[in-house]
């Protein structure tokens, strides 16, 4: 898969936010990138730094043509500014360069007002595209234009539907025959009235409409208000255009197109958007949750009621070097559950089909994990646990150990050294207080009657 990223003058305001979110959910070890800046943007030092960051997300360096992972091709001129001619010309250049550098790959047209909203957003979209079996996939809607009728501007519904620009396109796009048997030609018309999305609506067939993508063009001021996610239309938006303002439902959405400021990017980077996307890294009650944002650790307190215990981590598959009950093991547990759910929904029976995603996904999880903030999974139990109080003797030691466990996993030897205690003596005292010790490394586990 190749991700095609056009960069023009109109992208200046939100390029930094786009790059930051792209890197936040990266890297993308399975994919390539074709980056197409105009000359005026490529010569800007700040833009050049953003291009370097984008290249690194795909495992390449700017100007590195040998790996084929990240190709930067500066356009021959700055293109004519303005919509729709500017984007139309940029898309035409993309088709030509895809033919040259990646002729056999499908590609995602990724404009800089597009944002992944959850981890593994690109993998999720690729899987949906390949399972759909159509040459095109994206957000589709009714086509319309604004005409002057009787001296009054009027929104007129056109025949057919079109796919919004950010979406998936097939290999050999320019050589592909349209539904009527004629080759695709509208992509190189450079229409001054219609965007390429509408001009090519009869050629971009068959197309799969996917709810994984949310289309909110020309929106700003994304915010959480009264417990709901909302946005506004840009101030200069034509009142006859379709309004996208109001409450936004992002349930199961992994990709959003259209914001013209950095407000949505801030919600994504802060983690505040997770409650609206169902991001399992933060909200799943069934699996270990891997937070993306750094929040202060809770102050440990002695509990008098049973505390939920961490779910057993399944034996790692092909990751034998991962120690049990570590952040990496919790990440692997979550990825394994994702594999099972994906296989159930897709109908695939090959147990190896998701292994590459597990491998690359674990690397992404490690980049985003903060070990001090790993939250254990919660399991339901109908068994009553007898509550016993911690003996008064050694209470200070017990509380100190609970505080250290709240900050992350710790081995007995390291704990004894840090506290200046004899290892055997400390182990006996903690065992008497209900602590347990896992594996040869002797990972210290809190008693069932205490919670950190």
Protein backbone atom coordinates (compact mmCIF):
# COMPACT_ATOMS: atom_id res chain seq x y z
CA UNK A 1 0.00 0.00 0.00
CA UNK A 2 1.23 3.50 -0.86
CA UNK A 3 0.04 6.57 0.99
CA UNK A 4 0.03 9.61 -1.34
CA UNK A 5 0.31 12.94 0.48
CA UNK A 6 -0.09 16.20 -1.50
CA UNK A 7 1.34 19.37 0.07
CA UNK A 8 0.35 22.76 -1.36
CA UNK A 9 0.17 26.32 -0.06
CA UNK A 10 -3.40 25.78 1.15
CA UNK A 11 -2.08 23.11 3.53
CA UNK A 12 0.11 25.53 5.48
CA UNK A 13 -2.28 26.09 8.38
CA UNK A 14 -2.84 22.46 9.31
CA UNK A 15 0.30 20.69 8.04
CA UNK A 16 1.95 20.70 11.48
CA UNK A 17 -1.13 19.16 13.14
CA UNK A 18 -1.41 16.55 10.37
CA UNK A 19 2.24 15.54 10.75
CA UNK A 20 2.04 15.31 14.53
CA UNK A 21 -1.01 13.02 14.47
CA UNK A 22 0.50 10.88 11.69
CA UNK A 23 3.65 10.38 13.77
CA UNK A 24 1.62 9.85 16.95
CA UNK A 25 0.02 6.69 15.54
CA UNK A 26 3.09 5.60 13.58
CA UNK A 27 5.29 4.00 12.44
CA UNK A 28 3.78 2.30 9.38
CA UNK A 29 6.30 -0.47 8.64
CA UNK A 30 4.19 -2.24 6.01
CA UNK A 31 3.51 0.75 3.77
CA UNK A 32 5.23 3.24 1.45
CA UNK A 33 4.69 6.95 1.02
CA UNK A 34 4.69 9.23 -2.01
CA UNK A 35 4.97 12.84 -0.85
CA UNK A 36 4.19 15.54 -3.42
CA UNK A 37 5.06 19.09 -2.29
CA UNK A 38 4.92 22.11 -4.56
CA UNK A 39 8.27 23.92 -5.04
CA UNK A 40 7.33 26.86 -2.80
CA UNK A 41 6.42 24.47 0.03
CA UNK A 42 9.45 22.21 -0.42
CA UNK A 43 11.79 25.20 -0.08
CA UNK A 44 10.24 26.30 3.23
CA UNK A 45 12.45 25.08 6.13
CA UNK A 46 9.50 24.32 8.41
CA UNK A 47 7.73 22.31 5.71
CA UNK A 48 10.96 20.47 4.97
CA UNK A 49 11.12 19.37 8.62
CA UNK A 50 7.55 18.09 8.42
CA UNK A 51 8.44 16.13 5.30
CA UNK A 52 11.37 14.56 7.14
CA UNK A 53 9.00 13.47 9.91
CA UNK A 54 6.54 11.98 7.43
CA UNK A 55 9.35 10.05 5.74
CA UNK A 56 10.52 8.64 9.06
CA UNK A 57 6.99 7.35 9.75
CA UNK A 58 7.37 5.10 6.71
CA UNK A 59 10.90 3.97 7.45
CA UNK A 60 12.61 6.18 4.90
CA UNK A 61 14.54 9.42 4.60
CA UNK A 62 13.78 12.38 2.39
CA UNK A 63 15.54 11.81 -0.91
CA UNK A 64 16.07 8.11 -0.21
CA UNK A 65 15.12 6.53 -3.53
CA UNK A 66 16.77 3.15 -2.94
CA UNK A 67 14.48 1.78 -0.24
CA UNK A 68 11.33 2.83 -2.07
CA UNK A 69 9.66 3.40 1.29
CA UNK A 70 9.34 7.18 1.24
CA UNK A 71 9.60 8.98 -2.09
CA UNK A 72 9.51 12.78 -2.16
CA UNK A 73 8.75 14.17 -5.61
CA UNK A 74 8.69 17.96 -5.88
CA UNK A 75 6.23 19.13 -8.53
CA UNK A 76 7.45 21.06 -11.55
CA UNK A 77 5.54 24.21 -10.62
CA UNK A 78 3.48 25.65 -7.79
CA UNK A 79 0.16 24.87 -9.44
CA UNK A 80 -2.58 27.44 -9.78
CA UNK A 81 -4.03 28.27 -6.42
CA UNK A 82 -7.69 27.96 -5.70
CA UNK A 83 -10.33 25.27 -5.57
CA UNK A 84 -11.00 23.09 -7.48
CA UNK A 85 -8.27 23.58 -10.10
CA UNK A 86 -5.35 23.35 -7.64
CA UNK A 87 -6.42 20.01 -6.09
CA UNK A 88 -7.34 18.67 -9.54
CA UNK A 89 -3.83 19.33 -10.85
CA UNK A 90 -2.29 17.85 -7.73
CA UNK A 91 -4.32 14.67 -8.17
CA UNK A 92 -3.24 14.43 -11.81
CA UNK A 93 0.41 14.66 -10.76
CA UNK A 94 -0.20 11.92 -8.21
CA UNK A 95 -1.52 9.57 -10.89
CA UNK A 96 1.55 10.13 -13.08
CA UNK A 97 4.02 9.61 -10.23
CA UNK A 98 2.21 6.50 -8.97
CA UNK A 99 2.68 5.06 -12.46
CA UNK A 100 6.40 5.77 -12.22
CA UNK A 101 7.27 4.75 -8.66
CA UNK A 102 4.56 2.33 -7.51
CA UNK A 103 2.78 1.03 -10.63
CA UNK A 104 1.56 -2.19 -9.01
CA UNK A 105 0.32 -0.85 -5.67
CA UNK A 106 -3.07 0.33 -4.54
CA UNK A 107 -2.94 3.75 -2.92
CA UNK A 108 -4.60 6.01 -0.36
CA UNK A 109 -5.03 9.69 -1.28
CA UNK A 110 -4.27 11.32 2.08
CA UNK A 111 -4.83 15.07 2.13
CA UNK A 112 -3.38 17.01 5.04
CA UNK A 113 -6.81 17.76 6.51
CA UNK A 114 -7.19 14.02 7.19
CA UNK A 115 -6.52 12.36 10.54
CA UNK A 116 -6.42 8.82 11.81
CA UNK A 117 -8.48 8.79 14.99
CA UNK A 118 -7.38 5.48 16.55
CA UNK A 119 -4.23 3.34 16.65
CA UNK A 120 -3.86 0.98 13.68
CA UNK A 121 -6.21 3.16 11.63
CA UNK A 122 -4.30 2.47 8.42
CA UNK A 123 -4.24 -1.28 8.98
CA UNK A 124 -7.98 -1.26 9.68
CA UNK A 125 -8.72 0.65 6.47
CA UNK A 126 -6.45 -1.59 4.39
CA UNK A 127 -8.15 -4.72 5.69
CA UNK A 128 -11.60 -3.28 4.93
CA UNK A 129 -10.49 -2.27 1.42
CA UNK A 130 -9.08 -5.67 0.56
CA UNK A 131 -12.04 -7.52 2.02
CA UNK A 132 -14.47 -5.30 0.06
CA UNK A 133 -12.95 -6.43 -3.22
CA UNK A 134 -13.81 -3.19 -5.05
CA UNK A 135 -11.26 -0.98 -6.88
CA UNK A 136 -12.38 2.12 -4.94
CA UNK A 137 -13.30 2.67 -1.30
CA UNK A 138 -14.12 5.83 0.60
CA UNK A 139 -16.95 8.09 1.67
CA UNK A 140 -19.69 8.48 -0.94
CA UNK A 141 -22.51 11.02 -1.06
CA UNK A 142 -24.91 12.72 -3.48
CA UNK A 143 -23.30 15.06 -6.00
CA UNK A 144 -24.56 18.62 -6.27
CA UNK A 145 -23.58 22.02 -7.64
CA UNK A 146 -24.60 25.63 -6.98
CA UNK A 147 -26.23 27.28 -10.00
CA UNK A 148 -27.77 30.67 -10.67
CA UNK A 149 -31.43 30.12 -11.43
CA UNK A 150 -33.61 33.16 -11.95
CA UNK A 151 -30.80 35.36 -10.69
CA UNK A 152 -30.68 33.45 -7.41
CA UNK A 153 -27.98 30.94 -6.40
CA UNK A 154 -29.51 27.52 -5.85
CA UNK A 155 -28.15 24.17 -4.76
CA UNK A 156 -28.98 21.66 -7.48
CA UNK A 157 -28.72 17.90 -7.02
CA UNK A 158 -26.75 16.24 -9.82
CA UNK A 159 -27.17 12.76 -11.18
CA UNK A 160 -25.20 10.08 -9.38
CA UNK A 161 -22.97 9.93 -6.34
CA UNK A 162 -19.27 10.61 -5.94
CA UNK A 163 -16.48 9.39 -3.67
CA UNK A 164 -14.77 12.08 -1.61
CA UNK A 165 -11.09 12.50 -2.53
CA UNK A 166 -9.44 10.87 0.51
CA UNK A 167 -9.94 7.20 -0.23
CA UNK A 168 -8.46 4.12 -1.87
CA UNK A 169 -7.57 3.82 -5.55
CA UNK A 170 -6.50 0.72 -7.53
CA UNK A 171 -3.09 -0.09 -9.05
CA UNK A 172 -2.63 1.13 -12.61
CA UNK A 173 -5.33 3.75 -12.11
CA UNK A 174 -4.62 5.59 -15.38
CA UNK A 175 -4.79 2.36 -17.40
CA UNK A 176 -7.99 1.15 -15.82
CA UNK A 177 -11.14 0.81 -17.90
CA UNK A 178 -14.24 2.48 -16.52
CA UNK A 179 -17.65 0.78 -16.19
CA UNK A 180 -18.54 1.72 -19.80
CA UNK A 181 -15.44 -0.02 -21.16
CA UNK A 182 -13.55 3.18 -21.97
CA UNK A 183 -10.30 4.12 -20.20
CA UNK A 184 -10.33 6.59 -17.32
CA UNK A 185 -9.69 10.09 -18.69
CA UNK A 186 -11.42 12.58 -16.40
CA UNK A 187 -8.53 12.58 -13.92
CA UNK A 188 -6.42 14.61 -16.41
CA UNK A 189 -9.07 17.09 -17.54
CA UNK A 190 -8.03 19.78 -15.02
CA UNK A 191 -11.61 20.99 -14.73
CA UNK A 192 -12.00 24.56 -13.43
CA UNK A 193 -15.62 24.04 -12.35
CA UNK A 194 -15.86 20.58 -10.83
CA UNK A 195 -13.44 18.89 -8.41
CA UNK A 196 -11.96 15.63 -9.68
CA UNK A 197 -14.17 13.74 -7.23
CA UNK A 198 -17.33 14.83 -9.07
CA UNK A 199 -15.80 14.88 -12.54
CA UNK A 200 -14.66 11.27 -12.09
CA UNK A 201 -17.79 10.02 -10.35
CA UNK A 202 -18.77 7.73 -13.25
CA UNK A 203 -15.26 6.30 -13.54
CA UNK A 204 -14.68 5.68 -9.83
CA UNK A 205 -16.89 2.59 -10.00
CA UNK A 206 -17.54 0.21 -8.40
CA UNK A 207 -16.93 1.94 -5.09
CA UNK A 208 -17.44 0.71 -1.57
CA UNK A 209 -18.82 3.23 0.90
CA UNK A 210 -17.25 2.63 4.30
CA UNK A 211 -18.47 3.91 7.70
CA UNK A 212 -14.88 3.71 8.91
CA UNK A 213 -14.40 7.15 7.31
CA UNK A 214 -16.11 10.34 8.50
CA UNK A 215 -16.40 13.18 5.97
CA UNK A 216 -16.59 16.66 7.54
CA UNK A 217 -15.07 19.09 4.98
CA UNK A 218 -14.39 22.71 5.89
CA UNK A 219 -14.99 22.35 9.63
CA UNK A 220 -13.29 24.00 12.59
CA UNK A 221 -13.54 24.36 16.37
CA UNK A 222 -13.79 20.67 17.20
CA UNK A 223 -14.64 20.41 20.88
CA UNK A 224 -16.30 18.41 23.63
CA UNK A 225 -19.40 20.23 24.82
CA UNK A 226 -22.05 18.89 27.21
CA UNK A 227 -20.55 15.43 26.88
CA UNK A 228 -20.82 15.45 23.07
CA UNK A 229 -18.30 15.93 20.26
CA UNK A 230 -19.16 18.95 18.12
CA UNK A 231 -17.69 21.05 15.31
CA UNK A 232 -18.53 24.23 13.36
CA UNK A 233 -18.43 25.12 9.68
CA UNK A 234 -15.73 27.55 8.55
CA UNK A 235 -16.83 31.18 8.54
CA UNK A 236 -16.30 31.55 4.77
CA UNK A 237 -18.28 28.47 3.82
CA UNK A 238 -20.96 29.03 1.21
CA UNK A 239 -24.33 28.90 2.99
CA UNK A 240 -25.67 26.73 0.16
CA UNK A 241 -23.06 24.07 0.81
CA UNK A 242 -24.08 21.17 3.01
CA UNK A 243 -23.58 22.12 6.66
CA UNK A 244 -21.39 19.71 8.60
CA UNK A 245 -21.68 21.53 11.94
CA UNK A 246 -23.16 20.06 15.08
CA UNK A 247 -22.83 16.80 16.99
CA UNK A 248 -20.52 14.22 15.40
CA UNK A 249 -20.83 10.46 15.89
CA UNK A 250 -17.43 8.77 15.62
CA UNK A 251 -18.46 5.31 16.78
CA UNK A 252 -16.16 2.81 15.00
CA UNK A 253 -14.70 5.62 12.84
CA UNK A 254 -10.92 5.36 12.35
CA UNK A 255 -10.32 8.16 9.81
CA UNK A 256 -11.73 11.68 9.53
CA UNK A 257 -11.46 14.17 6.67
CA UNK A 258 -12.08 17.90 6.67
CA UNK A 259 -10.86 19.91 9.71
CA UNK A 260 -9.21 23.18 8.69
CA UNK A 261 -7.64 24.01 12.07
CA UNK A 262 -5.75 22.03 14.70
CA UNK A 263 -8.66 21.60 17.14
CA UNK A 264 -9.35 17.96 16.26
CA UNK A 265 -5.64 17.13 16.32
CA UNK A 266 -5.43 18.45 19.89
CA UNK A 267 -8.29 16.18 20.97
CA UNK A 268 -6.60 13.18 19.36
CA UNK A 269 -3.17 13.87 20.87
CA UNK A 270 -4.58 14.50 24.34
CA UNK A 271 -6.57 11.26 24.30
CA UNK A 272 -9.84 13.13 24.88
CA UNK A 273 -11.27 11.83 21.60
CA UNK A 274 -10.97 8.18 22.68
CA UNK A 275 -14.30 8.22 24.52
CA UNK A 276 -16.06 8.93 21.20
CA UNK A 277 -14.19 6.46 18.98
CA UNK A 278 -14.38 3.40 21.21
CA UNK A 279 -10.59 3.26 21.28
CA UNK A 280 -9.92 -0.11 22.93
CA UNK A 281 -6.51 1.05 24.10
CA UNK A 282 -8.28 3.17 26.69
CA UNK A 283 -11.89 2.07 27.02
CA UNK A 284 -12.10 -1.72 26.69
CA UNK A 285 -13.36 -3.40 29.89
CA UNK A 286 -12.14 -6.78 28.61
CA UNK A 287 -8.49 -6.21 27.83
CA UNK A 288 -5.49 -4.39 29.18
CA UNK A 289 -5.70 -0.72 28.42
CA UNK A 290 -2.64 1.11 27.10
CA UNK A 291 -2.99 4.85 27.69
CA UNK A 292 -1.60 7.28 25.14
CA UNK A 293 -1.51 10.31 27.42
CA UNK A 294 0.49 10.77 30.61
CA UNK A 295 -1.71 11.35 33.65
CA UNK A 296 -0.61 11.48 37.30
CA UNK A 297 -0.57 8.12 39.06
CA UNK A 298 -3.23 7.60 41.70
CA UNK A 299 -2.13 7.77 45.34
CA UNK A 300 -2.15 4.23 46.77
CA UNK A 301 -4.55 3.60 49.66
CA UNK A 302 -5.19 0.54 51.79
CA UNK A 303 -8.50 -1.06 50.80
CA UNK A 304 -10.94 -2.98 52.98
CA UNK A 305 -12.85 -4.54 50.08
CA UNK A 306 -11.80 -7.00 47.38
CA UNK A 307 -9.82 -5.42 44.54
CA UNK A 308 -10.10 -6.50 40.88
CA UNK A 309 -7.17 -8.59 39.78
CA UNK A 310 -5.23 -8.49 36.53
CA UNK A 311 -6.36 -11.01 33.95
CA UNK A 312 -3.98 -13.84 33.20
CA UNK A 313 -1.72 -13.02 30.27
CA UNK A 314 -1.79 -15.74 27.60
CA UNK A 315 1.56 -17.33 26.71
CA UNK A 316 3.24 -15.16 24.08
CA UNK A 317 3.32 -16.55 20.54
CA UNK A 318 6.65 -15.95 18.78
CA UNK A 319 7.49 -13.44 21.50
CA UNK A 320 9.18 -15.79 23.97
CA UNK A 321 11.45 -13.03 25.24
CA UNK A 322 8.54 -11.10 26.75
CA UNK A 323 8.25 -11.51 30.52
CA UNK A 324 4.77 -12.18 31.99
CA UNK A 325 2.86 -9.29 33.57
CA UNK A 326 5.02 -6.66 31.87
CA UNK A 327 3.61 -3.81 29.77
CA UNK A 328 4.69 -5.66 26.62
CA UNK A 329 2.78 -8.76 27.71
CA UNK A 330 -0.35 -6.70 28.36
CA UNK A 331 0.01 -5.17 24.91
CA UNK A 332 0.36 -8.63 23.38
CA UNK A 333 -2.77 -9.76 25.23
CA UNK A 334 -4.74 -6.86 23.74
CA UNK A 335 -3.37 -7.55 20.26
CA UNK A 336 -4.26 -11.24 20.56
CA UNK A 337 -7.85 -10.36 21.45
CA UNK A 338 -7.96 -8.00 18.50
CA UNK A 339 -6.79 -10.85 16.27
CA UNK A 340 -9.55 -13.16 17.48
CA UNK A 341 -12.25 -10.50 17.06
CA UNK A 342 -10.99 -9.58 13.57
CA UNK A 343 -10.97 -13.23 12.49
CA UNK A 344 -14.50 -13.75 13.82
CA UNK A 345 -15.82 -10.76 11.87
CA UNK A 346 -13.86 -11.40 8.66
CA UNK A 347 -14.49 -15.14 8.43
CA UNK A 348 -10.79 -15.90 7.89
CA UNK A 349 -9.60 -19.22 9.31
CA UNK A 350 -5.85 -18.94 8.66
CA UNK A 351 -4.26 -18.51 12.14
CA UNK A 352 -1.20 -16.81 10.63
CA UNK A 353 -3.02 -14.13 8.65
CA UNK A 354 -2.80 -11.59 11.44
CA UNK A 355 0.74 -12.36 12.63
CA UNK A 356 2.42 -9.50 10.75
CA UNK A 357 -0.07 -7.08 12.28
CA UNK A 358 0.73 -8.50 15.73
CA UNK A 359 4.43 -7.94 15.17
CA UNK A 360 4.16 -4.37 13.91
CA UNK A 361 1.35 -3.58 16.33
CA UNK A 362 3.48 -4.57 19.31
CA UNK A 363 6.17 -2.13 18.16
CA UNK A 364 3.57 0.66 17.93
CA UNK A 365 2.25 -0.22 21.38
CA UNK A 366 5.73 0.01 22.87
CA UNK A 367 6.13 3.52 21.42
CA UNK A 368 2.94 4.74 23.07
CA UNK A 369 3.00 2.87 26.37
CA UNK A 370 3.86 4.56 29.65
CA UNK A 371 4.61 1.64 32.00
CA UNK A 372 3.66 3.64 35.09
CA UNK A 373 0.17 4.06 33.75
CA UNK A 374 -0.67 0.50 32.64
CA UNK A 375 -4.12 -0.34 34.01
CA UNK A 376 -4.97 -4.01 34.70
CA UNK A 377 -7.86 -5.70 32.97
CA UNK A 378 -10.97 -6.27 35.08
CA UNK A 379 -12.49 -9.71 35.34
CA UNK A 380 -15.86 -10.47 36.82
CA UNK A 381 -16.06 -12.99 39.67
CA UNK A 382 -18.99 -14.32 41.64
CA UNK A 383 -16.80 -15.72 44.40
CA UNK A 384 -16.67 -13.82 47.68
CA UNK A 385 -13.21 -13.06 48.96
CA UNK A 386 -12.63 -13.01 52.67
CA UNK A 387 -11.28 -9.63 53.77
CA UNK A 388 -8.39 -9.71 56.20
CA UNK A 389 -6.70 -6.69 57.63
CA UNK A 390 -2.97 -6.11 57.26
CA UNK A 391 -1.20 -6.75 60.60
CA UNK A 392 -0.23 -3.53 62.35
CA UNK A 393 3.40 -4.69 62.43
CA UNK A 394 5.12 -3.75 59.19
CA UNK A 395 2.29 -1.46 57.99
CA UNK A 396 4.77 1.18 56.81
CA UNK A 397 6.65 -1.40 54.75
CA UNK A 398 3.45 -2.69 53.17
CA UNK A 399 2.25 0.80 52.23
CA UNK A 400 5.63 1.67 50.74
CA UNK A 401 5.60 -1.48 48.59
CA UNK A 402 2.03 -0.78 47.45
CA UNK A 403 3.11 2.70 46.43
CA UNK A 404 5.96 1.30 44.36
CA UNK A 405 3.65 -1.22 42.69
CA UNK A 406 1.29 1.62 41.75
CA UNK A 407 4.14 3.10 39.74
CA UNK A 408 4.82 -0.11 37.80
CA UNK A 409 5.98 -3.72 38.06
CA UNK A 410 8.94 -4.38 40.33
CA UNK A 411 11.14 -7.40 41.11
CA UNK A 412 11.87 -8.50 44.67
CA UNK A 413 15.64 -8.04 44.32
CA UNK A 414 15.28 -4.49 43.01
CA UNK A 415 12.75 -3.70 45.71
CA UNK A 416 15.02 -4.95 48.48
CA UNK A 417 17.97 -3.00 47.13
CA UNK A 418 15.91 0.17 46.82
CA UNK A 419 14.61 -0.15 50.38
CA UNK A 420 17.96 -1.17 51.86
CA UNK A 421 16.49 -4.43 53.14
CA UNK A 422 17.66 -8.03 53.20
CA UNK A 423 15.97 -9.83 50.30
CA UNK A 424 14.90 -12.95 52.27
CA UNK A 425 13.74 -10.95 55.28
CA UNK A 426 11.69 -8.62 53.08
CA UNK A 427 10.17 -11.55 51.19
CA UNK A 428 9.10 -13.27 54.42
CA UNK A 429 7.53 -10.05 55.73
CA UNK A 430 5.64 -9.39 52.49
CA UNK A 431 4.51 -13.03 52.22
CA UNK A 432 3.07 -12.80 55.73
CA UNK A 433 1.12 -9.72 54.61
CA UNK A 434 -0.38 -11.61 51.66
CA UNK A 435 2.00 -10.62 48.86
CA UNK A 436 2.92 -13.20 46.21
CA UNK A 437 5.86 -13.51 43.82
CA UNK A 438 5.56 -14.49 40.13
CA UNK A 439 8.13 -16.38 38.10
CA UNK A 440 11.90 -16.72 38.49
CA UNK A 441 12.32 -12.91 38.42
CA UNK A 442 10.01 -12.86 41.49
CA UNK A 443 7.72 -10.06 40.33
CA UNK A 444 6.01 -8.70 43.44
CA UNK A 445 2.20 -9.01 43.43
CA UNK A 446 -0.09 -7.09 45.81
CA UNK A 447 -2.36 -9.11 48.13
CA UNK A 448 -5.99 -9.55 47.16
CA UNK A 449 -7.07 -7.46 50.13
CA UNK A 450 -5.16 -4.34 49.06
CA UNK A 451 -5.41 -2.16 45.98
CA UNK A 452 -2.98 0.34 44.60
